[in-house]
Amino acid sequence: MDLTRFIRDIPDWPKEGIVFKDITPLLNNPGALAMALEQMVSPFRGKHVDLVAGAESRGFIFGTALAQTLSAGFVPIRKPNKLPWKTHTREYELEYGTDMLQVHQDAVQPGQRVLIADDLLATGGTMRACCELVDEMECELVGITCLIELSFLEGRKKLGEYGNQLHCVIEY
């Protein structure tokens, strides 16, 4: 099954010049969703993943499903002021501005093995911030899995050493 058939391009959103990759058609199709999840998780089966971390909000969709598949827990990485406990925080750049991510300080214990999941790797700012948060909590990063990579934006380069652990299902 060609999963790209289930990705809709929305030009000039959220601002002019950006082509948004809409995954809603993929999420609406049970077969496409199942195949996407299997392709995202397959390189990490047998890698003893303790937790899957996903960035708000589409990382939650894929991250929780992958966590269930791997019999692992899930860690939400949220936008600012959404978490009620002590947090670690990272500011990062987007292709159209800046933002912050936060995670509860006790969400992950030192030494736990963490897989990071998201729907899309664009410029790499969000993913790099997620990786840095995992590092700050003294965990072992098992890998990074994304449904889509926009390789022309060179986000993999921004990931630096983390880029070696990146697995993407669809590349544009």
Protein backbone atom coordinates (compact mmCIF):
# COMPACT_ATOMS: atom_id res chain seq x y z
CA MET A 1 0.00 0.00 0.00
CA ASP A 2 1.36 3.42 -0.98
CA LEU A 3 0.89 5.52 2.16
CA THR A 4 1.57 8.76 0.28
CA ARG A 5 -1.91 8.38 -1.25
CA PHE A 6 -3.28 9.15 2.22
CA ILE A 7 -1.26 12.34 2.78
CA ARG A 8 -3.02 15.50 1.58
CA ASP A 9 -1.09 18.66 0.66
CA ILE A 10 -2.55 21.92 1.95
CA PRO A 11 -0.71 24.85 0.32
CA ASP A 12 0.00 28.08 2.18
CA TRP A 13 -0.91 26.78 5.65
CA PRO A 14 -0.24 27.85 8.35
CA LYS A 15 1.34 30.66 6.35
CA GLU A 16 2.15 31.47 2.75
CA GLY A 17 4.88 29.30 1.26
CA ILE A 18 4.36 26.34 3.62
CA VAL A 19 2.81 23.15 2.20
CA PHE A 20 1.17 21.41 5.16
CA LYS A 21 1.17 17.61 5.03
CA ASP A 22 -2.30 16.63 6.31
CA ILE A 23 -2.36 13.13 7.80
CA THR A 24 -6.12 13.15 8.47
CA PRO A 25 -6.90 10.90 5.46
CA LEU A 26 -4.33 8.37 6.74
CA LEU A 27 -5.80 8.47 10.25
CA ASN A 28 -9.28 7.90 8.80
CA ASN A 29 -8.27 4.73 6.94
CA PRO A 30 -7.81 1.72 9.26
CA GLY A 31 -5.55 -0.16 6.82
CA ALA A 32 -3.31 2.81 6.11
CA LEU A 33 -3.07 3.68 9.80
CA ALA A 34 -2.19 0.11 10.74
CA MET A 35 0.48 -0.07 8.03
CA ALA A 36 1.95 3.29 9.03
CA LEU A 37 2.18 2.25 12.68
CA GLU A 38 3.77 -1.09 11.80
CA GLN A 39 6.36 0.58 9.60
CA MET A 40 7.13 3.12 12.33
CA VAL A 41 7.56 0.48 15.06
CA SER A 42 9.19 -2.42 13.22
CA PRO A 43 12.85 -1.26 13.56
CA PHE A 44 12.37 -1.00 17.32
CA ARG A 45 10.79 -4.36 18.09
CA GLY A 46 13.05 -6.32 20.43
CA LYS A 47 14.99 -3.18 21.44
CA HIS A 48 13.59 -3.22 25.01
CA VAL A 49 11.82 0.16 24.84
CA ASP A 50 10.59 1.23 28.30
CA LEU A 51 8.82 4.41 27.21
CA VAL A 52 7.68 6.13 24.04
CA ALA A 53 7.75 9.93 24.15
CA GLY A 54 5.66 12.02 21.78
CA ALA A 55 5.44 15.77 21.25
CA GLU A 56 2.12 17.57 21.36
CA SER A 57 -0.07 17.03 19.54
CA ARG A 58 0.28 14.61 16.65
CA GLY A 59 3.14 12.85 18.43
CA PHE A 60 0.51 11.80 20.97
CA ILE A 61 -1.49 10.01 18.27
CA PHE A 62 1.42 7.90 17.07
CA GLY A 63 3.31 7.68 20.35
CA THR A 64 0.50 6.12 22.39
CA ALA A 65 -0.24 3.55 19.69
CA LEU A 66 3.45 2.64 19.40
CA ALA A 67 3.77 2.43 23.18
CA GLN A 68 0.88 -0.01 23.33
CA THR A 69 2.39 -2.09 20.53
CA LEU A 70 5.75 -2.25 22.34
CA SER A 71 4.19 -2.87 25.78
CA ALA A 72 5.82 0.37 26.90
CA GLY A 73 4.63 3.45 28.75
CA PHE A 74 3.98 6.82 27.14
CA VAL A 75 5.47 10.22 28.03
CA PRO A 76 3.73 13.37 26.76
CA ILE A 77 6.01 16.22 25.75
CA ARG A 78 3.80 19.29 25.91
CA LYS A 79 3.61 22.92 24.90
CA PRO A 80 4.22 25.44 27.74
CA ASN A 81 1.93 25.72 30.75
CA LYS A 82 0.05 22.48 30.08
CA LEU A 83 1.73 20.33 32.72
CA PRO A 84 0.88 20.76 36.43
CA TRP A 85 4.14 19.45 37.91
CA LYS A 86 7.83 20.38 37.89
CA THR A 87 9.10 20.41 34.32
CA HIS A 88 12.18 20.42 32.13
CA THR A 89 11.85 23.01 29.32
CA ARG A 90 13.46 23.48 25.89
CA GLU A 91 12.92 26.36 23.46
CA TYR A 92 13.29 25.56 19.77
CA GLU A 93 12.83 27.03 16.30
CA LEU A 94 10.09 26.04 13.88
CA GLU A 95 10.05 26.67 10.15
CA TYR A 96 7.66 29.56 10.91
CA GLY A 97 8.67 30.84 14.40
CA THR A 98 9.75 29.62 17.85
CA ASP A 99 8.09 27.54 20.55
CA MET A 100 8.82 25.62 23.75
CA LEU A 101 8.36 22.05 24.93
CA GLN A 102 8.08 20.75 28.47
CA VAL A 103 8.07 17.36 30.16
CA HIS A 104 7.46 16.41 33.77
CA GLN A 105 10.79 15.98 35.56
CA ASP A 106 9.71 12.60 36.96
CA ALA A 107 8.16 11.27 33.72
CA VAL A 108 11.29 9.29 32.92
CA GLN A 109 13.80 7.70 35.27
CA PRO A 110 17.54 7.75 34.60
CA GLY A 111 18.60 4.78 32.53
CA GLN A 112 15.19 4.06 31.01
CA ARG A 113 15.16 3.32 27.28
CA VAL A 114 13.10 5.85 25.33
CA LEU A 115 11.80 5.90 21.75
CA ILE A 116 10.65 9.30 20.47
CA ALA A 117 7.73 9.35 18.01
CA ASP A 118 6.19 12.11 15.91
CA ASP A 119 4.24 12.49 12.71
CA LEU A 120 6.69 14.71 10.84
CA LEU A 121 10.30 15.82 10.78
CA ALA A 122 10.61 19.23 9.11
CA THR A 123 13.40 21.59 10.19
CA GLY A 124 14.30 19.37 13.15
CA GLY A 125 13.74 21.93 15.91
CA THR A 126 10.93 20.11 17.67
CA MET A 127 12.67 16.74 17.47
CA ARG A 128 16.01 18.13 18.65
CA ALA A 129 14.25 19.69 21.65
CA CYS A 130 12.64 16.31 22.42
CA CYS A 131 16.03 14.56 22.21
CA GLU A 132 17.63 17.16 24.47
CA LEU A 133 14.86 16.72 27.04
CA VAL A 134 15.44 12.94 27.02
CA ASP A 135 19.18 13.52 27.44
CA GLU A 136 18.57 15.92 30.33
CA MET A 137 16.66 13.17 32.13
CA GLU A 138 19.68 10.84 31.71
CA CYS A 139 17.82 8.26 29.64
CA GLU A 140 18.99 6.10 26.80
CA LEU A 141 17.58 7.18 23.46
CA VAL A 142 16.70 3.97 21.62
CA GLY A 143 15.67 5.81 18.49
CA ILE A 144 13.42 8.31 16.77
CA THR A 145 10.54 7.32 14.52
CA CYS A 146 8.48 9.61 12.28
CA LEU A 147 5.83 8.96 9.70
CA ILE A 148 7.08 11.72 7.36
CA GLU A 149 10.42 13.41 6.72
CA LEU A 150 10.58 16.60 4.65
CA SER A 151 14.19 15.95 3.64
CA PHE A 152 14.47 19.16 1.59
CA LEU A 153 14.30 21.11 4.88
CA GLU A 154 17.37 19.20 6.16
CA GLY A 155 15.98 18.60 9.63
CA ARG A 156 18.11 15.48 9.95
CA LYS A 157 21.21 17.72 9.89
CA LYS A 158 19.83 19.86 12.72
CA LEU A 159 19.46 16.71 14.79
CA GLY A 160 23.25 16.29 14.69
CA GLU A 161 24.27 13.07 16.44
CA TYR A 162 20.61 12.18 17.06
CA GLY A 163 20.05 11.98 13.29
CA ASN A 164 21.81 8.59 13.21
CA GLN A 165 18.92 7.15 15.22
CA LEU A 166 16.15 8.50 12.97
CA HIS A 167 13.75 6.22 11.11
CA CYS A 168 11.14 7.75 8.77
CA VAL A 169 8.49 5.89 6.79
CA ILE A 170 7.74 8.46 4.05
CA GLU A 171 10.26 10.93 2.61
CA TYR A 172 9.41 14.03 0.59
